[in-house]
């Protein structure tokens, strides 16, 4: 049996602890003297702060070797060390392991587990399910580098569960059980590949045989096509795209609307305004939803929210934009809407969100005059 561990932060949540450790949450109340627990400013986790006279409330767990290895995997990759501290329990003082951050963080308000559970609990639990699956293939530091994308995919799952598409035809299939035999995730980085061996309900009331299916996993995203009603012009961007290059296209610099991933905790409309400004320098006056959709659901989990943004496009043609830390090299092109529609026929406009957004705008432009 390993040494007891004192927990003071997110792992005090029983559901998260059980996902991470793989064991039941058998904990006793404990406290750490001369320490206060605070939020990290602007982040969704806490840190211990040395503070004479304060007492950090938490719990003491005694994991077996397997559970301790899982706890270490979850914590150490994020720059935590293990220190041995004396903690107080109802039965007296106990020497316990405590995870403490190596990095100096900006200290925020006093930590509240219940506030964290309400604001971040479901997302963190879903992210932990995928994250702990990386233990078999990733060192803790490598897994931690993938964690922002893991959280983004978890946020997409939460969004999907709360925003299911209506069924308009019979028979109704939504909610019928899909039996999963097993699943694997052989690749994880900015994107992930998920494999499932499963059986699904069929339209005749039966059940399919067990089949293997694989999907490319990405976070939800937005696309934004700016339109200036005063001039009748739209702004499209051009950039190098690896997908087109990987296909063998000799012109992998594709024309698209502005686009970007939805950050966890961010509404699609917020992302649309942020990404439009980052990629084009244009501020959206109004946003109009074109549609919400899966571009290719047979093999890709990505879900898009496409918008047309009403904006002033004066002086925007030809500028180069993008974020240096993401190696973005984006060229802006401003042109009349009718010319952009001609690009669909010529094949110059060959990306789904651009074709869809241009078609929607062609049908609706009179309402903006």
Protein backbone atom coordinates (compact mmCIF):
# COMPACT_ATOMS: atom_id res chain seq x y z
CA UNK A 1 0.00 0.00 0.00
CA UNK A 2 1.36 3.43 -0.91
CA UNK A 3 1.60 6.41 1.39
CA UNK A 4 -1.66 8.35 1.95
CA UNK A 5 -2.27 11.31 -0.35
CA UNK A 6 -3.74 14.64 0.76
CA UNK A 7 -6.02 16.18 -1.88
CA UNK A 8 -7.05 19.82 -1.72
CA UNK A 9 -8.36 20.70 -5.19
CA UNK A 10 -10.29 19.25 -8.10
CA UNK A 11 -9.60 15.63 -7.11
CA UNK A 12 -11.73 16.20 -4.01
CA UNK A 13 -14.63 15.80 -6.42
CA UNK A 14 -15.67 12.14 -5.99
CA UNK A 15 -16.63 11.62 -9.64
CA UNK A 16 -13.36 13.04 -10.97
CA UNK A 17 -11.32 11.07 -8.43
CA UNK A 18 -12.94 7.79 -9.45
CA UNK A 19 -12.29 8.47 -13.15
CA UNK A 20 -8.66 9.38 -12.53
CA UNK A 21 -7.77 6.74 -9.93
CA UNK A 22 -9.91 3.93 -11.26
CA UNK A 23 -11.07 3.20 -7.71
CA UNK A 24 -13.87 4.25 -5.37
CA UNK A 25 -13.62 7.54 -3.49
CA UNK A 26 -12.84 6.34 0.03
CA UNK A 27 -11.68 9.50 1.75
CA UNK A 28 -11.55 11.01 5.21
CA UNK A 29 -11.55 14.74 6.03
CA UNK A 30 -8.08 16.19 6.55
CA UNK A 31 -6.43 19.59 6.72
CA UNK A 32 -3.05 21.12 6.00
CA UNK A 33 -1.97 23.78 8.52
CA UNK A 34 -0.53 27.17 7.52
CA UNK A 35 -1.75 26.79 3.94
CA UNK A 36 -4.64 28.44 2.08
CA UNK A 37 -6.12 27.17 -1.19
CA UNK A 38 -6.73 29.78 -3.92
CA UNK A 39 -7.82 29.73 -7.53
CA UNK A 40 -5.06 30.37 -10.02
CA UNK A 41 -5.99 33.73 -11.54
CA UNK A 42 -7.79 33.18 -14.84
CA UNK A 43 -7.57 29.37 -14.63
CA UNK A 44 -9.90 26.54 -13.60
CA UNK A 45 -7.77 24.93 -10.89
CA UNK A 46 -6.36 25.84 -7.46
CA UNK A 47 -2.93 26.07 -5.84
CA UNK A 48 -1.78 25.88 -2.21
CA UNK A 49 -0.41 29.13 -0.80
CA UNK A 50 1.73 29.30 2.33
CA UNK A 51 -0.21 31.46 4.78
CA UNK A 52 0.50 31.39 8.51
CA UNK A 53 -2.57 30.72 10.61
CA UNK A 54 -4.68 29.42 7.70
CA UNK A 55 -5.85 25.84 7.30
CA UNK A 56 -6.40 24.14 3.95
CA UNK A 57 -9.36 21.78 4.05
CA UNK A 58 -9.20 18.64 1.96
CA UNK A 59 -9.38 14.87 2.11
CA UNK A 60 -6.98 12.02 2.73
CA UNK A 61 -7.03 8.98 0.45
CA UNK A 62 -4.93 5.81 0.61
CA UNK A 63 -4.62 4.51 -2.96
CA UNK A 64 -3.17 1.17 -3.91
CA UNK A 65 -0.15 1.05 -6.23
CA UNK A 66 -2.26 1.10 -9.41
CA UNK A 67 -4.41 4.03 -8.27
CA UNK A 68 -1.33 5.94 -7.10
CA UNK A 69 0.30 5.49 -10.51
CA UNK A 70 -2.83 6.88 -12.14
CA UNK A 71 -2.90 9.87 -9.77
CA UNK A 72 0.78 10.56 -10.51
CA UNK A 73 0.12 10.38 -14.25
CA UNK A 74 -2.72 12.88 -13.93
CA UNK A 75 -0.76 15.36 -11.82
CA UNK A 76 2.95 15.14 -12.60
CA UNK A 77 2.75 15.93 -16.30
CA UNK A 78 1.32 19.34 -15.49
CA UNK A 79 4.43 20.40 -13.57
CA UNK A 80 3.60 19.18 -10.08
CA UNK A 81 6.02 17.70 -7.56
CA UNK A 82 5.23 15.38 -4.68
CA UNK A 83 6.10 16.63 -1.20
CA UNK A 84 5.65 14.89 2.09
CA UNK A 85 3.66 16.98 4.57
CA UNK A 86 2.08 16.39 7.93
CA UNK A 87 -1.71 16.73 7.72
CA UNK A 88 -4.30 16.67 10.45
CA UNK A 89 -7.09 14.07 10.56
CA UNK A 90 -9.78 13.24 13.15
CA UNK A 91 -7.46 10.44 14.34
CA UNK A 92 -4.41 12.69 14.65
CA UNK A 93 -1.51 13.85 12.43
CA UNK A 94 -0.53 11.77 9.40
CA UNK A 95 2.40 12.10 7.00
CA UNK A 96 0.98 12.27 3.48
CA UNK A 97 2.02 12.99 -0.10
CA UNK A 98 0.84 16.33 -1.47
CA UNK A 99 0.94 17.44 -5.12
CA UNK A 100 2.40 20.96 -5.26
CA UNK A 101 3.07 23.03 -8.40
CA UNK A 102 6.62 23.79 -9.49
CA UNK A 103 5.54 26.92 -11.37
CA UNK A 104 4.81 30.27 -9.75
CA UNK A 105 1.19 31.08 -10.53
CA UNK A 106 -0.74 34.33 -10.06
CA UNK A 107 -2.97 33.89 -7.03
CA UNK A 108 -6.69 34.52 -7.42
CA UNK A 109 -9.65 34.37 -5.04
CA UNK A 110 -10.16 31.80 -2.31
CA UNK A 111 -10.88 28.36 -3.79
CA UNK A 112 -14.36 26.87 -3.72
CA UNK A 113 -14.87 23.22 -4.67
CA UNK A 114 -18.61 23.72 -5.15
CA UNK A 115 -18.03 26.68 -7.48
CA UNK A 116 -15.59 24.58 -9.49
CA UNK A 117 -18.02 21.66 -9.64
CA UNK A 118 -20.78 23.91 -10.98
CA UNK A 119 -18.63 25.74 -13.52
CA UNK A 120 -16.07 23.14 -14.61
CA UNK A 121 -16.94 19.72 -13.16
CA UNK A 122 -18.74 18.04 -16.10
CA UNK A 123 -16.17 19.27 -18.64
CA UNK A 124 -13.21 18.15 -16.51
CA UNK A 125 -14.74 14.73 -15.89
CA UNK A 126 -15.30 14.13 -19.61
CA UNK A 127 -11.78 15.33 -20.39
CA UNK A 128 -10.36 13.01 -17.72
CA UNK A 129 -12.03 10.00 -19.35
CA UNK A 130 -10.05 10.56 -22.55
CA UNK A 131 -6.93 11.77 -20.77
CA UNK A 132 -6.54 8.70 -18.57
CA UNK A 133 -6.78 6.53 -21.68
CA UNK A 134 -3.46 8.08 -22.77
CA UNK A 135 -1.63 6.50 -19.84
CA UNK A 136 -0.88 3.36 -21.85
CA UNK A 137 0.74 5.26 -24.73
CA UNK A 138 2.00 8.63 -23.42
CA UNK A 139 4.48 9.86 -20.87
CA UNK A 140 2.84 12.32 -18.44
CA UNK A 141 4.54 15.34 -20.05
CA UNK A 142 3.43 14.30 -23.55
CA UNK A 143 -0.13 13.74 -22.38
CA UNK A 144 -0.19 17.14 -20.70
CA UNK A 145 0.76 18.83 -23.97
CA UNK A 146 -2.30 17.24 -25.59
CA UNK A 147 -4.60 18.26 -22.73
CA UNK A 148 -5.90 21.54 -24.27
CA UNK A 149 -7.20 19.56 -27.25
CA UNK A 150 -8.58 16.87 -24.94
CA UNK A 151 -10.55 19.59 -23.13
CA UNK A 152 -11.74 21.02 -26.44
CA UNK A 153 -13.09 17.62 -27.49
CA UNK A 154 -14.75 17.22 -24.09
CA UNK A 155 -16.45 20.60 -24.54
CA UNK A 156 -17.70 19.42 -27.94
CA UNK A 157 -19.17 16.29 -26.34
CA UNK A 158 -20.97 18.39 -23.73
CA UNK A 159 -22.34 20.64 -26.48
CA UNK A 160 -23.50 17.62 -28.48
CA UNK A 161 -25.30 16.09 -25.50
CA UNK A 162 -27.20 19.32 -24.80
CA UNK A 163 -28.03 20.24 -28.40
CA UNK A 164 -29.29 17.13 -30.21
CA UNK A 165 -30.75 17.60 -33.67
CA UNK A 166 -34.55 17.13 -33.89
CA UNK A 167 -35.86 13.99 -35.59
CA UNK A 168 -38.36 14.76 -38.34
CA UNK A 169 -38.90 11.27 -39.79
CA UNK A 170 -40.13 7.93 -38.49
CA UNK A 171 -39.01 5.61 -37.05
CA UNK A 172 -37.54 7.60 -34.17
CA UNK A 173 -33.99 6.42 -33.48
CA UNK A 174 -32.64 9.02 -31.06
CA UNK A 175 -31.93 7.57 -27.63
CA UNK A 176 -31.94 3.94 -28.71
CA UNK A 177 -29.01 2.03 -27.20
CA UNK A 178 -25.80 1.61 -29.17
CA UNK A 179 -23.87 -1.34 -27.74
CA UNK A 180 -20.13 -0.67 -27.60
CA UNK A 181 -17.94 -3.76 -27.28
CA UNK A 182 -14.72 -1.78 -26.93
CA UNK A 183 -13.01 1.34 -28.20
CA UNK A 184 -9.43 2.46 -28.77
CA UNK A 185 -7.65 5.73 -29.50
CA UNK A 186 -4.48 4.84 -31.44
CA UNK A 187 -3.54 8.46 -32.22
CA UNK A 188 -3.81 11.60 -30.09
CA UNK A 189 -2.40 15.03 -30.83
CA UNK A 190 -4.13 18.19 -32.07
CA UNK A 191 -6.68 15.73 -33.45
CA UNK A 192 -7.37 12.17 -32.33
CA UNK A 193 -8.47 8.97 -34.04
CA UNK A 194 -11.12 6.91 -32.25
CA UNK A 195 -11.95 3.31 -33.13
CA UNK A 196 -15.13 1.58 -31.95
CA UNK A 197 -16.34 -1.99 -32.18
CA UNK A 198 -20.10 -1.59 -31.81
CA UNK A 199 -23.60 -2.68 -32.73
CA UNK A 200 -26.35 -0.18 -33.52
CA UNK A 201 -30.16 -0.35 -33.85
CA UNK A 202 -31.45 -0.77 -37.40
CA UNK A 203 -34.49 0.87 -38.99
CA UNK A 204 -36.40 -2.45 -39.15
CA UNK A 205 -36.26 -2.77 -35.34
CA UNK A 206 -33.31 -5.15 -35.24
CA UNK A 207 -29.68 -4.75 -34.30
CA UNK A 208 -26.66 -4.64 -36.57
CA UNK A 209 -23.79 -7.07 -36.33
CA UNK A 210 -20.70 -5.88 -34.47
CA UNK A 211 -18.77 -3.60 -36.82
CA UNK A 212 -15.56 -1.62 -36.55
CA UNK A 213 -15.81 2.11 -37.22
CA UNK A 214 -13.18 4.85 -36.96
CA UNK A 215 -13.50 8.62 -36.84
CA UNK A 216 -11.17 11.57 -36.86
CA UNK A 217 -11.91 13.52 -33.65
CA UNK A 218 -11.76 17.31 -33.58
CA UNK A 219 -13.32 20.06 -31.54
CA UNK A 220 -16.33 22.09 -32.64
CA UNK A 221 -15.53 25.13 -34.76
CA UNK A 222 -17.00 28.24 -36.35
CA UNK A 223 -16.71 29.76 -39.82
CA UNK A 224 -17.41 33.42 -40.56
CA UNK A 225 -17.93 35.03 -43.97
CA UNK A 226 -17.86 38.86 -43.71
CA UNK A 227 -20.23 40.83 -45.97
CA UNK A 228 -20.37 44.60 -46.46
CA UNK A 229 -23.90 45.62 -47.56
CA UNK A 230 -22.66 49.10 -48.53
CA UNK A 231 -20.39 47.72 -51.26
CA UNK A 232 -21.87 44.26 -51.87
CA UNK A 233 -18.47 42.70 -51.17
CA UNK A 234 -17.38 39.66 -49.21
CA UNK A 235 -14.01 38.86 -47.67
CA UNK A 236 -12.46 35.43 -48.10
CA UNK A 237 -9.10 34.23 -46.83
CA UNK A 238 -6.45 32.08 -48.46
CA UNK A 239 -3.98 29.88 -46.61
CA UNK A 240 -1.99 26.66 -46.92
CA UNK A 241 -4.03 23.61 -45.86
CA UNK A 242 -2.39 20.30 -45.05
CA UNK A 243 -5.51 18.27 -45.90
CA UNK A 244 -5.42 19.46 -49.50
CA UNK A 245 -1.67 18.90 -49.62
CA UNK A 246 -2.03 15.37 -48.21
CA UNK A 247 -4.61 14.60 -50.91
CA UNK A 248 -2.05 15.54 -53.56
CA UNK A 249 -3.59 18.86 -54.61
CA UNK A 250 -0.95 21.01 -56.32
CA UNK A 251 -2.78 24.13 -55.09
CA UNK A 252 -3.22 23.52 -51.34
CA UNK A 253 -3.77 27.25 -50.67
CA UNK A 254 -7.54 27.10 -50.31
CA UNK A 255 -10.16 29.86 -50.22
CA UNK A 256 -12.30 29.83 -47.08
CA UNK A 257 -14.25 31.95 -44.64
CA UNK A 258 -12.43 32.88 -41.45
CA UNK A 259 -12.62 29.97 -39.00
CA UNK A 260 -11.45 28.64 -35.66
CA UNK A 261 -12.02 26.18 -32.84
CA UNK A 262 -14.44 26.94 -30.02
CA UNK A 263 -12.53 27.19 -26.75
CA UNK A 264 -13.99 25.39 -23.70
CA UNK A 265 -16.44 27.68 -21.93
CA UNK A 266 -16.83 29.91 -24.99
CA UNK A 267 -20.10 30.38 -26.90
CA UNK A 268 -19.94 29.90 -30.69
CA UNK A 269 -20.83 33.57 -31.25
CA UNK A 270 -17.92 34.68 -29.04
CA UNK A 271 -15.55 32.47 -31.01
CA UNK A 272 -16.87 33.85 -34.29
CA UNK A 273 -16.17 37.45 -33.29
CA UNK A 274 -12.73 36.57 -31.87
CA UNK A 275 -11.59 34.50 -34.84
CA UNK A 276 -12.82 37.05 -37.39
CA UNK A 277 -10.78 39.74 -35.69
CA UNK A 278 -7.68 37.52 -35.35
CA UNK A 279 -7.69 36.27 -38.93
CA UNK A 280 -8.87 39.35 -40.80
CA UNK A 281 -8.69 42.37 -38.49
CA UNK A 282 -12.42 42.90 -39.14
CA UNK A 283 -14.98 43.51 -36.38
CA UNK A 284 -18.42 41.96 -36.84
CA UNK A 285 -21.33 44.38 -36.42
CA UNK A 286 -23.92 41.59 -36.67
CA UNK A 287 -23.74 37.81 -36.88
CA UNK A 288 -26.28 35.75 -38.83
CA UNK A 289 -26.31 31.98 -38.43
CA UNK A 290 -26.07 30.12 -41.73
CA UNK A 291 -26.34 26.66 -40.22
CA UNK A 292 -25.04 24.12 -37.70
CA UNK A 293 -23.82 20.88 -39.26
CA UNK A 294 -21.42 17.96 -39.56
CA UNK A 295 -19.26 18.43 -42.69
CA UNK A 296 -18.53 14.70 -43.03
CA UNK A 297 -20.11 12.64 -40.23
CA UNK A 298 -19.15 9.28 -41.69
CA UNK A 299 -15.55 9.77 -40.62
CA UNK A 300 -15.17 13.08 -38.80
CA UNK A 301 -16.66 14.27 -35.49
CA UNK A 302 -16.18 17.98 -36.24
CA UNK A 303 -19.33 20.12 -35.93
CA UNK A 304 -19.46 23.58 -37.48
CA UNK A 305 -21.38 26.76 -36.73
CA UNK A 306 -21.28 28.89 -39.88
CA UNK A 307 -22.04 32.61 -39.81
CA UNK A 308 -22.26 35.58 -42.12
CA UNK A 309 -20.94 38.70 -40.42
CA UNK A 310 -22.11 42.17 -41.39
CA UNK A 311 -19.00 44.35 -41.37
CA UNK A 312 -17.19 47.32 -42.90
CA UNK A 313 -14.70 45.85 -45.38
CA UNK A 314 -13.12 49.15 -46.44
CA UNK A 315 -9.39 48.75 -47.08
CA UNK A 316 -9.25 45.05 -46.23
CA UNK A 317 -8.19 43.59 -49.59
CA UNK A 318 -4.69 42.17 -49.74
CA UNK A 319 -3.71 42.33 -46.08
CA UNK A 320 -1.84 39.47 -44.42
CA UNK A 321 -3.03 38.35 -40.99
CA UNK A 322 -2.91 35.44 -38.53
CA UNK A 323 -1.28 34.52 -35.23
CA UNK A 324 2.50 34.10 -35.25
CA UNK A 325 2.43 31.57 -32.41
CA UNK A 326 0.16 29.32 -34.53
CA UNK A 327 2.27 29.79 -37.71
CA UNK A 328 -0.75 31.27 -39.50
CA UNK A 329 -0.10 32.93 -42.84
CA UNK A 330 -3.45 34.28 -44.05
CA UNK A 331 -4.04 36.48 -47.10
CA UNK A 332 -7.29 38.44 -47.33
CA UNK A 333 -9.21 38.91 -50.57
CA UNK A 334 -12.19 41.28 -50.82
CA UNK A 335 -14.39 40.93 -53.90
CA UNK A 336 -17.99 41.44 -55.07
CA UNK A 337 -20.40 38.72 -53.98
CA UNK A 338 -21.33 37.93 -57.60
CA UNK A 339 -17.65 37.32 -58.41
CA UNK A 340 -17.36 35.04 -55.39
CA UNK A 341 -20.41 33.07 -56.57
CA UNK A 342 -18.73 32.59 -59.95
CA UNK A 343 -15.84 30.92 -58.12
CA UNK A 344 -18.18 28.11 -57.11
CA UNK A 345 -18.83 27.34 -60.77
CA UNK A 346 -15.14 27.58 -61.72
CA UNK A 347 -14.04 25.39 -58.81
CA UNK A 348 -11.87 28.11 -57.25
CA UNK A 349 -14.20 28.00 -54.24
CA UNK A 350 -13.74 24.37 -53.22
CA UNK A 351 -14.30 24.31 -49.45
CA UNK A 352 -17.68 23.34 -48.01
CA UNK A 353 -18.24 26.20 -45.54
CA UNK A 354 -17.40 28.81 -48.19
CA UNK A 355 -19.78 27.31 -50.76
CA UNK A 356 -22.54 26.98 -48.15
CA UNK A 357 -22.09 30.50 -46.79
CA UNK A 358 -21.95 32.09 -50.24
CA UNK A 359 -25.12 30.26 -51.26
CA UNK A 360 -26.93 31.40 -48.10
CA UNK A 361 -25.81 34.98 -48.66
CA UNK A 362 -26.95 34.92 -52.28
CA UNK A 363 -30.43 33.90 -51.09
CA UNK A 364 -30.55 36.47 -48.29
CA UNK A 365 -28.59 39.50 -49.49
CA UNK A 366 -31.72 41.56 -50.21
CA UNK A 367 -32.54 41.64 -46.49
CA UNK A 368 -29.27 43.48 -45.79
CA UNK A 369 -29.70 46.25 -48.36
